[in-house]
Amino acid sequence: FEDVYTLIPAVVIIAVGTLLFIIGLIGCCATIRESRCGLATFVIILL
């Protein structure tokens, strides 16, 4: 196949997976600290 853009979904899903690691840490910290701002940021990023 010649269309290199065929791999875009795989690229995006790796980027999403990497981002989810960071999001999980943010969510843990926000929940433990009971931070409204942190939890709101967590929800927005997840969305």
All heavy atoms as atom14 arrays in JSON, in Angstrom:
{
  "sequence": "FEDVYTLIPAVVIIAVGTLLFIIGLIGCCATIRESRCGLATFVIILL",
  "atom14_mask": [
    [1, 1, 1, 1, 1, 1, 1, 1, 1, 1, 1, 0, 0, 0],
    [1, 1, 1, 1, 1, 1, 1, 1, 1, 0, 0, 0, 0, 0],
    [1, 1, 1, 1, 1, 1, 1, 1, 0, 0, 0, 0, 0, 0],
    [1, 1, 1, 1, 1, 1, 1, 0, 0, 0, 0, 0, 0, 0],
    [1, 1, 1, 1, 1, 1, 1, 1, 1, 1, 1, 1, 0, 0],
    [1, 1, 1, 1, 1, 1, 1, 0, 0, 0, 0, 0, 0, 0],
    [1, 1, 1, 1, 1, 1, 1, 1, 0, 0, 0, 0, 0, 0],
    [1, 1, 1, 1, 1, 1, 1, 1, 0, 0, 0, 0, 0, 0],
    [1, 1, 1, 1, 1, 1, 1, 0, 0, 0, 0, 0, 0, 0],
    [1, 1, 1, 1, 1, 0, 0, 0, 0, 0, 0, 0, 0, 0],
    [1, 1, 1, 1, 1, 1, 1, 0, 0, 0, 0, 0, 0, 0],
    [1, 1, 1, 1, 1, 1, 1, 0, 0, 0, 0, 0, 0, 0],
    [1, 1, 1, 1, 1, 1, 1, 1, 0, 0, 0, 0, 0, 0],
    [1, 1, 1, 1, 1, 1, 1, 1, 0, 0, 0, 0, 0, 0],
    [1, 1, 1, 1, 1, 0, 0, 0, 0, 0, 0, 0, 0, 0],
    [1, 1, 1, 1, 1, 1, 1, 0, 0, 0, 0, 0, 0, 0],
    [1, 1, 1, 1, 0, 0, 0, 0, 0, 0, 0, 0, 0, 0],
    [1, 1, 1, 1, 1, 1, 1, 0, 0, 0, 0, 0, 0, 0],
    [1, 1, 1, 1, 1, 1, 1, 1, 0, 0, 0, 0, 0, 0],
    [1, 1, 1, 1, 1, 1, 1, 1, 0, 0, 0, 0, 0, 0],
    [1, 1, 1, 1, 1, 1, 1, 1, 1, 1, 1, 0, 0, 0],
    [1, 1, 1, 1, 1, 1, 1, 1, 0, 0, 0, 0, 0, 0],
    [1, 1, 1, 1, 1, 1, 1, 1, 0, 0, 0, 0, 0, 0],
    [1, 1, 1, 1, 0, 0, 0, 0, 0, 0, 0, 0, 0, 0],
    [1, 1, 1, 1, 1, 1, 1, 1, 0, 0, 0, 0, 0, 0],
    [1, 1, 1, 1, 1, 1, 1, 1, 0, 0, 0, 0, 0, 0],
    [1, 1, 1, 1, 0, 0, 0, 0, 0, 0, 0, 0, 0, 0],
    [1, 1, 1, 1, 1, 1, 0, 0, 0, 0, 0, 0, 0, 0],
    [1, 1, 1, 1, 1, 1, 0, 0, 0, 0, 0, 0, 0, 0],
    [1, 1, 1, 1, 1, 0, 0, 0, 0, 0, 0, 0, 0, 0],
    [1, 1, 1, 1, 1, 1, 1, 0, 0, 0, 0, 0, 0, 0],
    [1, 1, 1, 1, 1, 1, 1, 1, 0, 0, 0, 0, 0, 0],
    [1, 1, 1, 1, 1, 1, 1, 1, 1, 1, 1, 0, 0, 0],
    [1, 1, 1, 1, 1, 1, 1, 1, 1, 0, 0, 0, 0, 0],
    [1, 1, 1, 1, 1, 1, 0, 0, 0, 0, 0, 0, 0, 0],
    [1, 1, 1, 1, 1, 1, 1, 1, 1, 1, 1, 0, 0, 0],
    [1, 1, 1, 1, 1, 1, 0, 0, 0, 0, 0, 0, 0, 0],
    [1, 1, 1, 1, 0, 0, 0, 0, 0, 0, 0, 0, 0, 0],
    [1, 1, 1, 1, 1, 1, 1, 1, 0, 0, 0, 0, 0, 0],
    [1, 1, 1, 1, 1, 0, 0, 0, 0, 0, 0, 0, 0, 0],
    [1, 1, 1, 1, 1, 1, 1, 0, 0, 0, 0, 0, 0, 0],
    [1, 1, 1, 1, 1, 1, 1, 1, 1, 1, 1, 0, 0, 0],
    [1, 1, 1, 1, 1, 1, 1, 0, 0, 0, 0, 0, 0, 0],
    [1, 1, 1, 1, 1, 1, 1, 1, 0, 0, 0, 0, 0, 0],
    [1, 1, 1, 1, 1, 1, 1, 1, 0, 0, 0, 0, 0, 0],
    [1, 1, 1, 1, 1, 1, 1, 1, 0, 0, 0, 0, 0, 0],
    [1, 1, 1, 1, 1, 1, 1, 1, 0, 0, 0, 0, 0, 0]
  ],
  "atom14_positions": [
    [[0.86, -1.19, 0.0], [0.0, 0.0, 0.0], [0.89, 1.24, 0.0], [1.98, 1.24, 0.56], [-0.96, 0.02, 1.19], [-0.29, 0.01, 2.54], [0.0, 1.19, 3.19], [0.05, -1.17, 3.16], [0.61, 1.2, 4.42], [0.65, -1.18, 4.4], [0.94, 0.0, 5.03], [0.0, 0.0, 0.0], [0.0, 0.0, 0.0], [0.0, 0.0, 0.0]],
    [[0.42, 2.29, -0.65], [1.23, 3.49, -0.86], [0.77, 4.66, -0.01], [1.5, 5.65, 0.13], [1.19, 3.89, -2.35], [1.77, 2.81, -3.27], [1.62, 3.14, -4.73], [0.9, 4.12, -5.04], [2.2, 2.43, -5.58], [0.0, 0.0, 0.0], [0.0, 0.0, 0.0], [0.0, 0.0, 0.0], [0.0, 0.0, 0.0], [0.0, 0.0, 0.0]],
    [[-0.41, 4.58, 0.55], [-0.96, 5.69, 1.34], [-0.41, 5.62, 2.76], [-0.86, 4.82, 3.57], [-2.49, 5.62, 1.36], [-3.12, 6.85, 2.0], [-2.36, 7.72, 2.49], [-4.36, 6.94, 2.01], [0.0, 0.0, 0.0], [0.0, 0.0, 0.0], [0.0, 0.0, 0.0], [0.0, 0.0, 0.0], [0.0, 0.0, 0.0], [0.0, 0.0, 0.0]],
    [[0.57, 6.48, 3.07], [1.18, 6.47, 4.41], [0.18, 6.89, 5.48], [0.37, 6.59, 6.67], [2.42, 7.39, 4.46], [3.5, 6.86, 3.55], [2.06, 8.83, 4.09], [0.0, 0.0, 0.0], [0.0, 0.0, 0.0], [0.0, 0.0, 0.0], [0.0, 0.0, 0.0], [0.0, 0.0, 0.0], [0.0, 0.0, 0.0], [0.0, 0.0, 0.0]],
    [[-0.88, 7.58, 5.08], [-1.86, 8.05, 6.05], [-2.68, 6.91, 6.63], [-3.44, 7.12, 7.57], [-2.78, 9.1, 5.41], [-2.04, 10.33, 4.96], [-1.82, 10.58, 3.61], [-1.55, 11.24, 5.89], [-1.13, 11.71, 3.2], [-0.85, 12.37, 5.48], [-0.65, 12.6, 4.14], [0.05, 13.7, 3.75], [0.0, 0.0, 0.0], [0.0, 0.0, 0.0]],
    [[-2.52, 5.71, 6.06], [-3.22, 4.55, 6.61], [-2.82, 4.29, 8.04], [-3.59, 3.72, 8.82], [-2.92, 3.31, 5.74], [-3.2, 3.61, 4.38], [-3.76, 2.12, 6.16], [0.0, 0.0, 0.0], [0.0, 0.0, 0.0], [0.0, 0.0, 0.0], [0.0, 0.0, 0.0], [0.0, 0.0, 0.0], [0.0, 0.0, 0.0], [0.0, 0.0, 0.0]],
    [[-1.62, 4.71, 8.43], [-1.12, 4.47, 9.78], [-1.54, 5.55, 10.77], [-1.17, 5.47, 11.94], [0.41, 4.35, 9.75], [0.96, 3.05, 9.17], [2.47, 3.13, 9.04], [0.57, 1.86, 10.01], [0.0, 0.0, 0.0], [0.0, 0.0, 0.0], [0.0, 0.0, 0.0], [0.0, 0.0, 0.0], [0.0, 0.0, 0.0], [0.0, 0.0, 0.0]],
    [[-2.28, 6.55, 10.33], [-2.7, 7.63, 11.24], [-3.44, 7.09, 12.46], [-3.15, 7.51, 13.59], [-3.55, 8.68, 10.49], [-2.63, 9.53, 9.6], [-4.3, 9.58, 11.46], [-3.37, 10.59, 8.8], [0.0, 0.0, 0.0], [0.0, 0.0, 0.0], [0.0, 0.0, 0.0], [0.0, 0.0, 0.0], [0.0, 0.0, 0.0], [0.0, 0.0, 0.0]],
    [[-4.42, 6.17, 12.31], [-5.1, 5.66, 13.5], [-4.14, 5.03, 14.51], [-4.32, 5.2, 15.72], [-6.07, 4.62, 12.92], [-6.33, 5.08, 11.53], [-5.03, 5.65, 11.07], [0.0, 0.0, 0.0], [0.0, 0.0, 0.0], [0.0, 0.0, 0.0], [0.0, 0.0, 0.0], [0.0, 0.0, 0.0], [0.0, 0.0, 0.0], [0.0, 0.0, 0.0]],
    [[-3.12, 4.31, 14.03], [-2.16, 3.69, 14.93], [-1.32, 4.75, 15.65], [-1.05, 4.63, 16.85], [-1.24, 2.74, 14.16], [0.0, 0.0, 0.0], [0.0, 0.0, 0.0], [0.0, 0.0, 0.0], [0.0, 0.0, 0.0], [0.0, 0.0, 0.0], [0.0, 0.0, 0.0], [0.0, 0.0, 0.0], [0.0, 0.0, 0.0], [0.0, 0.0, 0.0]],
    [[-0.93, 5.8, 14.93], [-0.16, 6.9, 15.53], [-0.97, 7.57, 16.63], [-0.48, 7.82, 17.74], [0.26, 7.93, 14.47], [0.93, 9.14, 15.11], [1.2, 7.3, 13.45], [0.0, 0.0, 0.0], [0.0, 0.0, 0.0], [0.0, 0.0, 0.0], [0.0, 0.0, 0.0], [0.0, 0.0, 0.0], [0.0, 0.0, 0.0], [0.0, 0.0, 0.0]],
    [[-2.24, 7.85, 16.31], [-3.11, 8.54, 17.27], [-3.33, 7.67, 18.51], [-3.32, 8.17, 19.64], [-4.46, 8.91, 16.62], [-5.41, 9.5, 17.63], [-4.24, 9.9, 15.48], [0.0, 0.0, 0.0], [0.0, 0.0, 0.0], [0.0, 0.0, 0.0], [0.0, 0.0, 0.0], [0.0, 0.0, 0.0], [0.0, 0.0, 0.0], [0.0, 0.0, 0.0]],
    [[-3.52, 6.37, 18.3], [-3.83, 5.51, 19.45], [-2.62, 5.36, 20.37], [-2.77, 5.25, 21.59], [-4.34, 4.13, 18.96], [-5.29, 3.53, 20.0], [-3.22, 3.15, 18.68], [-6.04, 2.32, 19.53], [0.0, 0.0, 0.0], [0.0, 0.0, 0.0], [0.0, 0.0, 0.0], [0.0, 0.0, 0.0], [0.0, 0.0, 0.0], [0.0, 0.0, 0.0]],
    [[-1.4, 5.4, 19.82], [-0.2, 5.4, 20.67], [-0.11, 6.7, 21.45], [0.21, 6.71, 22.65], [1.06, 5.18, 19.81], [1.1, 3.75, 19.27], [2.32, 5.46, 20.63], [2.26, 3.47, 18.35], [0.0, 0.0, 0.0], [0.0, 0.0, 0.0], [0.0, 0.0, 0.0], [0.0, 0.0, 0.0], [0.0, 0.0, 0.0], [0.0, 0.0, 0.0]],
    [[-0.4, 7.82, 20.78], [-0.37, 9.12, 21.45], [-1.42, 9.16, 22.57], [-1.14, 9.67, 23.67], [-0.64, 10.23, 20.44], [0.0, 0.0, 0.0], [0.0, 0.0, 0.0], [0.0, 0.0, 0.0], [0.0, 0.0, 0.0], [0.0, 0.0, 0.0], [0.0, 0.0, 0.0], [0.0, 0.0, 0.0], [0.0, 0.0, 0.0], [0.0, 0.0, 0.0]],
    [[-2.6, 8.62, 22.31], [-3.65, 8.58, 23.32], [-3.22, 7.7, 24.5], [-3.44, 8.06, 25.67], [-4.97, 8.05, 22.71], [-5.98, 7.7, 23.81], [-5.57, 9.09, 21.77], [0.0, 0.0, 0.0], [0.0, 0.0, 0.0], [0.0, 0.0, 0.0], [0.0, 0.0, 0.0], [0.0, 0.0, 0.0], [0.0, 0.0, 0.0], [0.0, 0.0, 0.0]],
    [[-2.6, 6.57, 24.2], [-2.14, 5.68, 25.27], [-1.11, 6.36, 26.16], [-1.17, 6.26, 27.39], [0.0, 0.0, 0.0], [0.0, 0.0, 0.0], [0.0, 0.0, 0.0], [0.0, 0.0, 0.0], [0.0, 0.0, 0.0], [0.0, 0.0, 0.0], [0.0, 0.0, 0.0], [0.0, 0.0, 0.0], [0.0, 0.0, 0.0], [0.0, 0.0, 0.0]],
    [[-0.18, 7.08, 25.55], [0.83, 7.82, 26.32], [0.17, 8.9, 27.18], [0.52, 9.09, 28.35], [1.85, 8.47, 25.37], [2.42, 7.46, 24.53], [2.97, 9.15, 26.15], [0.0, 0.0, 0.0], [0.0, 0.0, 0.0], [0.0, 0.0, 0.0], [0.0, 0.0, 0.0], [0.0, 0.0, 0.0], [0.0, 0.0, 0.0], [0.0, 0.0, 0.0]],
    [[-0.8, 9.59, 26.58], [-1.49, 10.66, 27.32], [-2.3, 10.1, 28.49], [-2.39, 10.73, 29.54], [-2.41, 11.42, 26.36], [-3.14, 12.65, 26.92], [-2.13, 13.68, 27.43], [-4.03, 13.27, 25.85], [0.0, 0.0, 0.0], [0.0, 0.0, 0.0], [0.0, 0.0, 0.0], [0.0, 0.0, 0.0], [0.0, 0.0, 0.0], [0.0, 0.0, 0.0]],
    [[-2.85, 8.89, 28.33], [-3.65, 8.3, 29.4], [-2.81, 8.01, 30.64], [-3.33, 8.04, 31.76], [-4.32, 7.02, 28.91], [-5.6, 7.18, 28.09], [-6.16, 5.83, 27.68], [-6.65, 7.97, 28.85], [0.0, 0.0, 0.0], [0.0, 0.0, 0.0], [0.0, 0.0, 0.0], [0.0, 0.0, 0.0], [0.0, 0.0, 0.0], [0.0, 0.0, 0.0]],
    [[-1.53, 7.69, 30.46], [-0.65, 7.51, 31.62], [-0.62, 8.79, 32.46], [-0.76, 8.78, 33.68], [0.77, 7.17, 31.17], [0.99, 5.71, 30.91], [1.29, 5.28, 29.63], [0.91, 4.78, 31.92], [1.5, 3.93, 29.37], [1.12, 3.43, 31.69], [1.41, 3.0, 30.4], [0.0, 0.0, 0.0], [0.0, 0.0, 0.0], [0.0, 0.0, 0.0]],
    [[-0.44, 9.92, 31.76], [-0.37, 11.22, 32.44], [-1.72, 11.57, 33.07], [-1.78, 12.04, 34.21], [0.06, 12.32, 31.45], [1.42, 11.95, 30.84], [0.12, 13.68, 32.13], [1.84, 12.85, 29.7], [0.0, 0.0, 0.0], [0.0, 0.0, 0.0], [0.0, 0.0, 0.0], [0.0, 0.0, 0.0], [0.0, 0.0, 0.0], [0.0, 0.0, 0.0]],
    [[-2.8, 11.3, 32.33], [-4.14, 11.6, 32.84], [-4.43, 10.8, 34.11], [-5.02, 11.31, 35.06], [-5.21, 11.3, 31.76], [-5.04, 12.25, 30.58], [-6.61, 11.43, 32.33], [-5.92, 11.91, 29.39], [0.0, 0.0, 0.0], [0.0, 0.0, 0.0], [0.0, 0.0, 0.0], [0.0, 0.0, 0.0], [0.0, 0.0, 0.0], [0.0, 0.0, 0.0]],
    [[-4.02, 9.52, 34.1], [-4.23, 8.69, 35.29], [-3.54, 9.26, 36.51], [-4.11, 9.27, 37.61], [0.0, 0.0, 0.0], [0.0, 0.0, 0.0], [0.0, 0.0, 0.0], [0.0, 0.0, 0.0], [0.0, 0.0, 0.0], [0.0, 0.0, 0.0], [0.0, 0.0, 0.0], [0.0, 0.0, 0.0], [0.0, 0.0, 0.0], [0.0, 0.0, 0.0]],
    [[-2.33, 9.78, 36.33], [-1.6, 10.39, 37.45], [-2.3, 11.66, 37.94], [-2.42, 11.9, 39.14], [-0.16, 10.71, 37.02], [0.74, 9.5, 36.75], [2.09, 9.96, 36.2], [0.95, 8.69, 38.03], [0.0, 0.0, 0.0], [0.0, 0.0, 0.0], [0.0, 0.0, 0.0], [0.0, 0.0, 0.0], [0.0, 0.0, 0.0], [0.0, 0.0, 0.0]],
    [[-2.77, 12.47, 36.98], [-3.5, 13.69, 37.35], [-4.76, 13.35, 38.14], [-5.07, 13.97, 39.16], [-3.87, 14.51, 36.08], [-2.6, 15.05, 35.42], [-4.81, 15.66, 36.43], [-2.86, 15.73, 34.08], [0.0, 0.0, 0.0], [0.0, 0.0, 0.0], [0.0, 0.0, 0.0], [0.0, 0.0, 0.0], [0.0, 0.0, 0.0], [0.0, 0.0, 0.0]],
    [[-5.49, 12.33, 37.67], [-6.71, 11.93, 38.35], [-6.45, 11.43, 39.76], [-7.18, 11.76, 40.69], [0.0, 0.0, 0.0], [0.0, 0.0, 0.0], [0.0, 0.0, 0.0], [0.0, 0.0, 0.0], [0.0, 0.0, 0.0], [0.0, 0.0, 0.0], [0.0, 0.0, 0.0], [0.0, 0.0, 0.0], [0.0, 0.0, 0.0], [0.0, 0.0, 0.0]],
    [[-5.38, 10.63, 39.93], [-5.03, 10.13, 41.27], [-4.7, 11.28, 42.22], [-5.21, 11.34, 43.34], [-3.84, 9.18, 41.17], [-4.25, 7.55, 40.51], [0.0, 0.0, 0.0], [0.0, 0.0, 0.0], [0.0, 0.0, 0.0], [0.0, 0.0, 0.0], [0.0, 0.0, 0.0], [0.0, 0.0, 0.0], [0.0, 0.0, 0.0], [0.0, 0.0, 0.0]],
    [[-3.86, 12.2, 41.75], [-3.45, 13.34, 42.6], [-4.66, 14.22, 42.95], [-4.82, 14.64, 44.1], [-2.39, 14.17, 41.89], [-0.82, 13.31, 41.67], [0.0, 0.0, 0.0], [0.0, 0.0, 0.0], [0.0, 0.0, 0.0], [0.0, 0.0, 0.0], [0.0, 0.0, 0.0], [0.0, 0.0, 0.0], [0.0, 0.0, 0.0], [0.0, 0.0, 0.0]],
    [[-5.51, 14.47, 41.95], [-6.67, 15.33, 42.18], [-7.64, 14.7, 43.17], [-8.24, 15.38, 44.02], [-7.37, 15.63, 40.86], [0.0, 0.0, 0.0], [0.0, 0.0, 0.0], [0.0, 0.0, 0.0], [0.0, 0.0, 0.0], [0.0, 0.0, 0.0], [0.0, 0.0, 0.0], [0.0, 0.0, 0.0], [0.0, 0.0, 0.0], [0.0, 0.0, 0.0]],
    [[-7.82, 13.38, 43.08], [-8.74, 12.68, 43.98], [-8.2, 12.65, 45.4], [-8.94, 12.88, 46.37], [-8.99, 11.24, 43.47], [-9.44, 11.3, 42.12], [-10.04, 10.56, 44.31], [0.0, 0.0, 0.0], [0.0, 0.0, 0.0], [0.0, 0.0, 0.0], [0.0, 0.0, 0.0], [0.0, 0.0, 0.0], [0.0, 0.0, 0.0], [0.0, 0.0, 0.0]],
    [[-6.91, 12.34, 45.54], [-6.3, 12.27, 46.88], [-6.33, 13.65, 47.56], [-6.65, 13.76, 48.74], [-4.85, 11.76, 46.77], [-4.86, 10.28, 46.34], [-4.11, 11.9, 48.11], [-3.49, 9.74, 45.99], [0.0, 0.0, 0.0], [0.0, 0.0, 0.0], [0.0, 0.0, 0.0], [0.0, 0.0, 0.0], [0.0, 0.0, 0.0], [0.0, 0.0, 0.0]],
    [[-6.02, 14.7, 46.78], [-5.99, 16.05, 47.34], [-7.38, 16.68, 47.41], [-7.54, 17.78, 47.94], [-5.07, 16.93, 46.5], [-3.61, 16.5, 46.55], [-2.78, 17.27, 45.51], [-2.79, 18.7, 45.81], [-1.94, 19.32, 46.61], [-0.99, 18.61, 47.22], [-2.01, 20.62, 46.82], [0.0, 0.0, 0.0], [0.0, 0.0, 0.0], [0.0, 0.0, 0.0]],
    [[-8.37, 15.99, 46.84], [-9.75, 16.49, 46.8], [-9.82, 17.88, 46.18], [-10.46, 18.8, 46.69], [-10.35, 16.49, 48.21], [-10.44, 15.11, 48.83], [-11.07, 15.13, 50.2], [-11.2, 16.22, 50.78], [-11.45, 14.05, 50.69], [0.0, 0.0, 0.0], [0.0, 0.0, 0.0], [0.0, 0.0, 0.0], [0.0, 0.0, 0.0], [0.0, 0.0, 0.0]],
    [[-9.11, 18.01, 45.07], [-9.03, 19.29, 44.37], [-10.12, 19.39, 43.31], [-10.16, 18.6, 42.37], [-7.66, 19.45, 43.71], [-7.64, 20.52, 42.83], [0.0, 0.0, 0.0], [0.0, 0.0, 0.0], [0.0, 0.0, 0.0], [0.0, 0.0, 0.0], [0.0, 0.0, 0.0], [0.0, 0.0, 0.0], [0.0, 0.0, 0.0], [0.0, 0.0, 0.0]],
    [[-11.01, 20.38, 43.47], [-12.07, 20.59, 42.48], [-11.47, 20.98, 41.13], [-11.9, 20.49, 40.08], [-13.03, 21.68, 42.96], [-14.01, 21.22, 44.03], [-14.92, 22.38, 44.46], [-15.65, 22.94, 43.33], [-16.76, 22.4, 42.83], [-17.25, 21.29, 43.37], [-17.38, 22.97, 41.83], [0.0, 0.0, 0.0], [0.0, 0.0, 0.0], [0.0, 0.0, 0.0]],
    [[-10.49, 21.83, 41.17], [-9.85, 22.28, 39.93], [-9.17, 21.11, 39.23], [-9.28, 20.95, 38.01], [-8.83, 23.38, 40.24], [-7.97, 24.02, 38.78], [0.0, 0.0, 0.0], [0.0, 0.0, 0.0], [0.0, 0.0, 0.0], [0.0, 0.0, 0.0], [0.0, 0.0, 0.0], [0.0, 0.0, 0.0], [0.0, 0.0, 0.0], [0.0, 0.0, 0.0]],
    [[-8.47, 20.28, 40.01], [-7.8, 19.13, 39.43], [-8.77, 18.13, 38.83], [-8.56, 17.61, 37.74], [0.0, 0.0, 0.0], [0.0, 0.0, 0.0], [0.0, 0.0, 0.0], [0.0, 0.0, 0.0], [0.0, 0.0, 0.0], [0.0, 0.0, 0.0], [0.0, 0.0, 0.0], [0.0, 0.0, 0.0], [0.0, 0.0, 0.0], [0.0, 0.0, 0.0]],
    [[-9.88, 17.87, 39.54], [-10.88, 16.93, 39.03], [-11.57, 17.48, 37.79], [-11.88, 16.73, 36.85], [-11.91, 16.63, 40.12], [-11.44, 15.68, 41.23], [-12.48, 15.61, 42.34], [-11.17, 14.29, 40.68], [0.0, 0.0, 0.0], [0.0, 0.0, 0.0], [0.0, 0.0, 0.0], [0.0, 0.0, 0.0], [0.0, 0.0, 0.0], [0.0, 0.0, 0.0]],
    [[-11.84, 18.79, 37.79], [-12.47, 19.4, 36.62], [-11.54, 19.31, 35.41], [-11.98, 19.0, 34.29], [-12.81, 20.86, 36.92], [0.0, 0.0, 0.0], [0.0, 0.0, 0.0], [0.0, 0.0, 0.0], [0.0, 0.0, 0.0], [0.0, 0.0, 0.0], [0.0, 0.0, 0.0], [0.0, 0.0, 0.0], [0.0, 0.0, 0.0], [0.0, 0.0, 0.0]],
    [[-10.24, 19.56, 35.63], [-9.26, 19.43, 34.55], [-9.19, 17.99, 34.05], [-9.12, 17.74, 32.84], [-7.86, 19.86, 35.06], [-7.93, 21.2, 35.55], [-6.83, 19.77, 33.95], [0.0, 0.0, 0.0], [0.0, 0.0, 0.0], [0.0, 0.0, 0.0], [0.0, 0.0, 0.0], [0.0, 0.0, 0.0], [0.0, 0.0, 0.0], [0.0, 0.0, 0.0]],
    [[-9.26, 17.05, 35.0], [-9.25, 15.63, 34.66], [-10.41, 15.27, 33.75], [-10.24, 14.57, 32.74], [-9.3, 14.84, 35.97], [-9.41, 13.35, 35.8], [-8.35, 12.61, 35.33], [-10.58, 12.68, 36.14], [-8.44, 11.23, 35.19], [-10.68, 11.31, 36.0], [-9.61, 10.58, 35.52], [0.0, 0.0, 0.0], [0.0, 0.0, 0.0], [0.0, 0.0, 0.0]],
    [[-11.6, 15.75, 34.08], [-12.79, 15.46, 33.28], [-12.67, 16.07, 31.88], [-12.99, 15.43, 30.87], [-14.06, 15.99, 33.98], [-15.27, 15.86, 33.07], [-14.31, 15.21, 35.27], [0.0, 0.0, 0.0], [0.0, 0.0, 0.0], [0.0, 0.0, 0.0], [0.0, 0.0, 0.0], [0.0, 0.0, 0.0], [0.0, 0.0, 0.0], [0.0, 0.0, 0.0]],
    [[-12.19, 17.31, 31.81], [-12.07, 17.99, 30.51], [-11.08, 17.27, 29.6], [-11.35, 17.04, 28.41], [-11.64, 19.46, 30.71], [-12.77, 20.24, 31.39], [-11.27, 20.11, 29.38], [-12.38, 21.64, 31.84], [0.0, 0.0, 0.0], [0.0, 0.0, 0.0], [0.0, 0.0, 0.0], [0.0, 0.0, 0.0], [0.0, 0.0, 0.0], [0.0, 0.0, 0.0]],
    [[-9.92, 16.87, 30.18], [-8.92, 16.16, 29.37], [-9.47, 14.81, 28.91], [-9.28, 14.41, 27.75], [-7.62, 15.97, 30.17], [-6.98, 17.32, 30.49], [-6.63, 15.12, 29.38], [-5.75, 17.22, 31.36], [0.0, 0.0, 0.0], [0.0, 0.0, 0.0], [0.0, 0.0, 0.0], [0.0, 0.0, 0.0], [0.0, 0.0, 0.0], [0.0, 0.0, 0.0]],
    [[-10.16, 14.11, 29.81], [-10.76, 12.83, 29.43], [-11.77, 13.0, 28.3], [-11.86, 12.17, 27.39], [-11.44, 12.17, 30.63], [-10.6, 11.26, 31.52], [-11.47, 10.62, 32.58], [-9.9, 10.19, 30.7], [0.0, 0.0, 0.0], [0.0, 0.0, 0.0], [0.0, 0.0, 0.0], [0.0, 0.0, 0.0], [0.0, 0.0, 0.0], [0.0, 0.0, 0.0]],
    [[-12.53, 14.09, 28.37], [-13.51, 14.35, 27.31], [-12.82, 14.58, 25.97], [-13.26, 14.06, 24.94], [-14.36, 15.58, 27.69], [-15.44, 15.99, 26.67], [-16.44, 14.86, 26.46], [-16.15, 17.26, 27.14], [0.0, 0.0, 0.0], [0.0, 0.0, 0.0], [0.0, 0.0, 0.0], [0.0, 0.0, 0.0], [0.0, 0.0, 0.0], [0.0, 0.0, 0.0]]
  ]
}
